[in-house]
Amino acid sequence: MSSYEQLRAALNVQLHKMIPITAAMQIKITAYNGERIRLQAPLAPNINDKQTGFAGSLAAIATISGWCLLQMKLNELKMNADIAVYQSAIRYVQPAMSDFNACTMFASDTDKKIFITQLRNDGKAKIALGTTVSDQEKQVLELQGKYVAVKR
């Protein structure tokens, strides 16, 4: 098992304890490569009255995806910090008709390095992340989020 797979497995176990809504939504981290993360959730526990993905579930998985990307990167670097989203803008593109996934990646290597350096040196750092939620590779939502991390 690679170190990324070990990190992913560990955070999958912790995620439902740290953010209880993720258990009810049945969210799981399915991929991480150090630059990008992918989370997946089934439609059934996240359905609305129209039998499509509940907007709140789509927004939640998008927000949680950004949090998970930062948590995974900090776990990888053996850094402890509290992470929170402090601003987000969401655009719903179309209904989710089936199981959906969220993908978040660092905008650039430079942004990621600045974030890590500021957190190490100043104890606090902010970063903007973009997340796309898709249903069978068809985009259903996009989120632009700003996250903050504060060293513990």
C-alpha atoms as a PDB file:
ATOM      1  CA  MET A   1       0.000   0.000   0.000  1.00  0.00           C
ATOM      2  CA  SER A   2       1.456   3.385  -1.025  1.00  0.00           C
ATOM      3  CA  SER A   3       1.780   6.233   1.451  1.00  0.00           C
ATOM      4  CA  TYR A   4      -1.078   8.077  -0.335  1.00  0.00           C
ATOM      5  CA  GLU A   5      -3.299   5.007  -0.010  1.00  0.00           C
ATOM      6  CA  GLN A   6      -2.440   4.759   3.695  1.00  0.00           C
ATOM      7  CA  LEU A   7      -3.262   8.451   4.224  1.00  0.00           C
ATOM      8  CA  ARG A   8      -6.533   8.059   2.331  1.00  0.00           C
ATOM      9  CA  ALA A   9      -7.545   4.960   4.293  1.00  0.00           C
ATOM     10  CA  ALA A  10      -6.779   6.669   7.608  1.00  0.00           C
ATOM     11  CA  LEU A  11      -8.727   9.819   6.762  1.00  0.00           C
ATOM     12  CA  ASN A  12     -11.685   7.766   5.490  1.00  0.00           C
ATOM     13  CA  VAL A  13     -11.909   6.192   8.951  1.00  0.00           C
ATOM     14  CA  GLN A  14     -11.539   9.517  10.770  1.00  0.00           C
ATOM     15  CA  LEU A  15     -13.801  11.536   8.465  1.00  0.00           C
ATOM     16  CA  HIS A  16     -17.074  10.110   9.749  1.00  0.00           C
ATOM     17  CA  LYS A  17     -15.987  10.759  13.339  1.00  0.00           C
ATOM     18  CA  MET A  18     -14.686  14.287  12.741  1.00  0.00           C
ATOM     19  CA  ILE A  19     -17.570  15.400  10.479  1.00  0.00           C
ATOM     20  CA  PRO A  20     -20.607  13.233  11.369  1.00  0.00           C
ATOM     21  CA  ILE A  21     -22.750  14.352   8.404  1.00  0.00           C
ATOM     22  CA  THR A  22     -20.304  12.515   6.128  1.00  0.00           C
ATOM     23  CA  ALA A  23     -21.422   9.189   7.623  1.00  0.00           C
ATOM     24  CA  ALA A  24     -25.098   9.871   6.896  1.00  0.00           C
ATOM     25  CA  MET A  25     -24.173  10.998   3.371  1.00  0.00           C
ATOM     26  CA  GLN A  26     -21.960   7.891   2.966  1.00  0.00           C
ATOM     27  CA  ILE A  27     -19.079   9.997   1.653  1.00  0.00           C
ATOM     28  CA  LYS A  28     -15.782   8.273   1.029  1.00  0.00           C
ATOM     29  CA  ILE A  29     -12.447   9.454  -0.288  1.00  0.00           C
ATOM     30  CA  THR A  30     -11.740   7.451  -3.431  1.00  0.00           C
ATOM     31  CA  ALA A  31      -8.518   9.030  -4.725  1.00  0.00           C
ATOM     32  CA  TYR A  32      -5.666  11.283  -3.622  1.00  0.00           C
ATOM     33  CA  ASN A  33      -2.350  11.938  -5.354  1.00  0.00           C
ATOM     34  CA  GLY A  34      -0.858  14.815  -3.379  1.00  0.00           C
ATOM     35  CA  GLU A  35      -2.349  17.451  -5.700  1.00  0.00           C
ATOM     36  CA  ARG A  36      -5.955  16.366  -6.169  1.00  0.00           C
ATOM     37  CA  ILE A  37      -8.602  14.564  -4.130  1.00  0.00           C
ATOM     38  CA  ARG A  38     -11.791  12.824  -5.146  1.00  0.00           C
ATOM     39  CA  LEU A  39     -14.743  12.033  -2.871  1.00  0.00           C
ATOM     40  CA  GLN A  40     -17.783   9.967  -3.777  1.00  0.00           C
ATOM     41  CA  ALA A  41     -21.326   9.715  -2.403  1.00  0.00           C
ATOM     42  CA  PRO A  42     -24.321   7.598  -3.421  1.00  0.00           C
ATOM     43  CA  LEU A  43     -27.496   9.311  -4.571  1.00  0.00           C
ATOM     44  CA  ALA A  44     -29.904   7.310  -2.356  1.00  0.00           C
ATOM     45  CA  PRO A  45     -29.096   8.928   1.040  1.00  0.00           C
ATOM     46  CA  ASN A  46     -28.690  12.344  -0.633  1.00  0.00           C
ATOM     47  CA  ILE A  47     -31.908  12.505  -2.634  1.00  0.00           C
ATOM     48  CA  ASN A  48     -34.484  15.281  -2.730  1.00  0.00           C
ATOM     49  CA  ASP A  49     -38.222  15.342  -3.452  1.00  0.00           C
ATOM     50  CA  LYS A  50     -37.513  15.352  -7.208  1.00  0.00           C
ATOM     51  CA  GLN A  51     -35.416  12.164  -6.967  1.00  0.00           C
ATOM     52  CA  THR A  52     -32.233  14.097  -7.814  1.00  0.00           C
ATOM     53  CA  GLY A  53     -29.273  15.054  -5.649  1.00  0.00           C
ATOM     54  CA  PHE A  54     -30.232  17.281  -2.725  1.00  0.00           C
ATOM     55  CA  ALA A  55     -28.610  20.706  -3.194  1.00  0.00           C
ATOM     56  CA  GLY A  56     -27.400  20.715   0.415  1.00  0.00           C
ATOM     57  CA  SER A  57     -25.644  17.378  -0.081  1.00  0.00           C
ATOM     58  CA  LEU A  58     -23.960  18.624  -3.247  1.00  0.00           C
ATOM     59  CA  ALA A  59     -22.785  21.774  -1.459  1.00  0.00           C
ATOM     60  CA  ALA A  60     -21.633  19.740   1.545  1.00  0.00           C
ATOM     61  CA  ILE A  61     -19.538  17.262  -0.454  1.00  0.00           C
ATOM     62  CA  ALA A  62     -17.965  20.154  -2.378  1.00  0.00           C
ATOM     63  CA  THR A  63     -17.029  22.000   0.826  1.00  0.00           C
ATOM     64  CA  ILE A  64     -15.825  18.799   2.514  1.00  0.00           C
ATOM     65  CA  SER A  65     -13.713  17.932  -0.537  1.00  0.00           C
ATOM     66  CA  GLY A  66     -11.664  21.127  -0.108  1.00  0.00           C
ATOM     67  CA  TRP A  67     -11.310  20.453   3.606  1.00  0.00           C
ATOM     68  CA  CYS A  68     -10.167  16.884   2.865  1.00  0.00           C
ATOM     69  CA  LEU A  69      -7.564  18.002   0.316  1.00  0.00           C
ATOM     70  CA  LEU A  70      -5.980  20.313   2.879  1.00  0.00           C
ATOM     71  CA  GLN A  71      -6.259  17.746   5.688  1.00  0.00           C
ATOM     72  CA  MET A  72      -4.594  15.090   3.518  1.00  0.00           C
ATOM     73  CA  LYS A  73      -1.770  17.445   2.536  1.00  0.00           C
ATOM     74  CA  LEU A  74      -1.177  18.421   6.176  1.00  0.00           C
ATOM     75  CA  ASN A  75      -1.304  14.761   7.256  1.00  0.00           C
ATOM     76  CA  GLU A  76       1.230  13.973   4.523  1.00  0.00           C
ATOM     77  CA  LEU A  77       3.511  16.730   5.871  1.00  0.00           C
ATOM     78  CA  LYS A  78       2.859  15.678   9.495  1.00  0.00           C
ATOM     79  CA  MET A  79       1.454  19.119  10.337  1.00  0.00           C
ATOM     80  CA  ASN A  80      -1.471  19.655  12.717  1.00  0.00           C
ATOM     81  CA  ALA A  81      -3.910  22.470  12.003  1.00  0.00           C
ATOM     82  CA  ASP A  82      -7.566  23.323  12.281  1.00  0.00           C
ATOM     83  CA  ILE A  83      -9.068  23.865   8.830  1.00  0.00           C
ATOM     84  CA  ALA A  84     -12.260  25.756   7.988  1.00  0.00           C
ATOM     85  CA  VAL A  85     -13.959  27.227   4.957  1.00  0.00           C
ATOM     86  CA  TYR A  86     -14.611  30.925   5.499  1.00  0.00           C
ATOM     87  CA  GLN A  87     -16.115  31.915   2.168  1.00  0.00           C
ATOM     88  CA  SER A  88     -17.637  30.072  -0.760  1.00  0.00           C
ATOM     89  CA  ALA A  89     -19.557  30.693  -3.943  1.00  0.00           C
ATOM     90  CA  ILE A  90     -21.578  27.877  -5.454  1.00  0.00           C
ATOM     91  CA  ARG A  91     -23.060  27.523  -8.919  1.00  0.00           C
ATOM     92  CA  TYR A  92     -25.513  24.708  -9.521  1.00  0.00           C
ATOM     93  CA  VAL A  93     -25.137  23.627 -13.158  1.00  0.00           C
ATOM     94  CA  GLN A  94     -27.757  20.874 -13.471  1.00  0.00           C
ATOM     95  CA  PRO A  95     -29.414  18.194 -11.316  1.00  0.00           C
ATOM     96  CA  ALA A  96     -27.444  15.161 -10.149  1.00  0.00           C
ATOM     97  CA  MET A  97     -29.287  12.127 -11.483  1.00  0.00           C
ATOM     98  CA  SER A  98     -27.047   9.415 -10.005  1.00  0.00           C
ATOM     99  CA  ASP A  99     -24.186   8.856  -7.560  1.00  0.00           C
ATOM    100  CA  PHE A 100     -21.892  11.863  -7.539  1.00  0.00           C
ATOM    101  CA  ASN A 101     -18.306  12.763  -6.820  1.00  0.00           C
ATOM    102  CA  ALA A 102     -16.377  15.871  -5.882  1.00  0.00           C
ATOM    103  CA  CYS A 103     -12.915  16.708  -7.124  1.00  0.00           C
ATOM    104  CA  THR A 104     -10.708  19.422  -5.633  1.00  0.00           C
ATOM    105  CA  MET A 105      -7.174  20.311  -6.651  1.00  0.00           C
ATOM    106  CA  PHE A 106      -4.639  22.971  -5.861  1.00  0.00           C
ATOM    107  CA  ALA A 107      -4.864  25.814  -8.388  1.00  0.00           C
ATOM    108  CA  SER A 108      -1.098  25.795  -8.773  1.00  0.00           C
ATOM    109  CA  ASP A 109       2.041  24.425  -7.206  1.00  0.00           C
ATOM    110  CA  THR A 110       2.929  27.994  -6.212  1.00  0.00           C
ATOM    111  CA  ASP A 111      -0.354  28.479  -4.320  1.00  0.00           C
ATOM    112  CA  LYS A 112       0.189  25.204  -2.473  1.00  0.00           C
ATOM    113  CA  LYS A 113       3.790  26.106  -1.540  1.00  0.00           C
ATOM    114  CA  ILE A 114       2.790  29.575  -0.315  1.00  0.00           C
ATOM    115  CA  PHE A 115       0.015  28.045   1.817  1.00  0.00           C
ATOM    116  CA  ILE A 116       2.373  25.499   3.414  1.00  0.00           C
ATOM    117  CA  THR A 117       5.154  28.045   3.972  1.00  0.00           C
ATOM    118  CA  GLN A 118       2.791  30.558   5.578  1.00  0.00           C
ATOM    119  CA  LEU A 119       1.321  27.896   7.834  1.00  0.00           C
ATOM    120  CA  ARG A 120       4.786  26.745   8.929  1.00  0.00           C
ATOM    121  CA  ASN A 121       6.165  30.265   9.447  1.00  0.00           C
ATOM    122  CA  ASP A 122       3.138  32.244  10.629  1.00  0.00           C
ATOM    123  CA  GLY A 123       0.941  29.534  12.122  1.00  0.00           C
ATOM    124  CA  LYS A 124      -1.952  30.571   9.862  1.00  0.00           C
ATOM    125  CA  ALA A 125      -2.556  30.397   6.110  1.00  0.00           C
ATOM    126  CA  LYS A 126      -5.357  30.927   3.615  1.00  0.00           C
ATOM    127  CA  ILE A 127      -5.917  29.373   0.207  1.00  0.00           C
ATOM    128  CA  ALA A 128      -8.542  29.425  -2.528  1.00  0.00           C
ATOM    129  CA  LEU A 129      -9.649  26.062  -3.929  1.00  0.00           C
ATOM    130  CA  GLY A 130     -11.995  25.130  -6.734  1.00  0.00           C
ATOM    131  CA  THR A 131     -14.194  22.042  -6.556  1.00  0.00           C
ATOM    132  CA  THR A 132     -16.281  20.380  -9.220  1.00  0.00           C
ATOM    133  CA  VAL A 133     -19.096  17.978  -8.382  1.00  0.00           C
ATOM    134  CA  SER A 134     -20.011  15.577 -11.163  1.00  0.00           C
ATOM    135  CA  ASP A 135     -22.612  12.931 -11.843  1.00  0.00           C
ATOM    136  CA  GLN A 136     -21.242  10.304 -14.251  1.00  0.00           C
ATOM    137  CA  GLU A 137     -18.582  12.836 -15.359  1.00  0.00           C
ATOM    138  CA  LYS A 138     -21.268  15.459 -16.105  1.00  0.00           C
ATOM    139  CA  GLN A 139     -20.696  18.593 -14.009  1.00  0.00           C
ATOM    140  CA  VAL A 140     -23.556  19.389 -11.640  1.00  0.00           C
ATOM    141  CA  LEU A 141     -21.978  21.990  -9.326  1.00  0.00           C
ATOM    142  CA  GLU A 142     -18.896  24.141  -9.011  1.00  0.00           C
ATOM    143  CA  LEU A 143     -17.648  25.728  -5.812  1.00  0.00           C
ATOM    144  CA  GLN A 144     -15.008  28.372  -5.314  1.00  0.00           C
ATOM    145  CA  GLY A 145     -13.999  28.220  -1.672  1.00  0.00           C
ATOM    146  CA  LYS A 146     -11.573  30.049   0.558  1.00  0.00           C
ATOM    147  CA  TYR A 147     -10.131  28.007   3.399  1.00  0.00           C
ATOM    148  CA  VAL A 148      -8.040  28.899   6.403  1.00  0.00           C
ATOM    149  CA  ALA A 149      -5.729  26.681   8.444  1.00  0.00           C
ATOM    150  CA  VAL A 150      -4.453  27.535  11.907  1.00  0.00           C
ATOM    151  CA  LYS A 151      -1.646  25.503  13.495  1.00  0.00           C
ATOM    152  CA  ARG A 152      -2.536  23.664  16.679  1.00  0.00           C
END
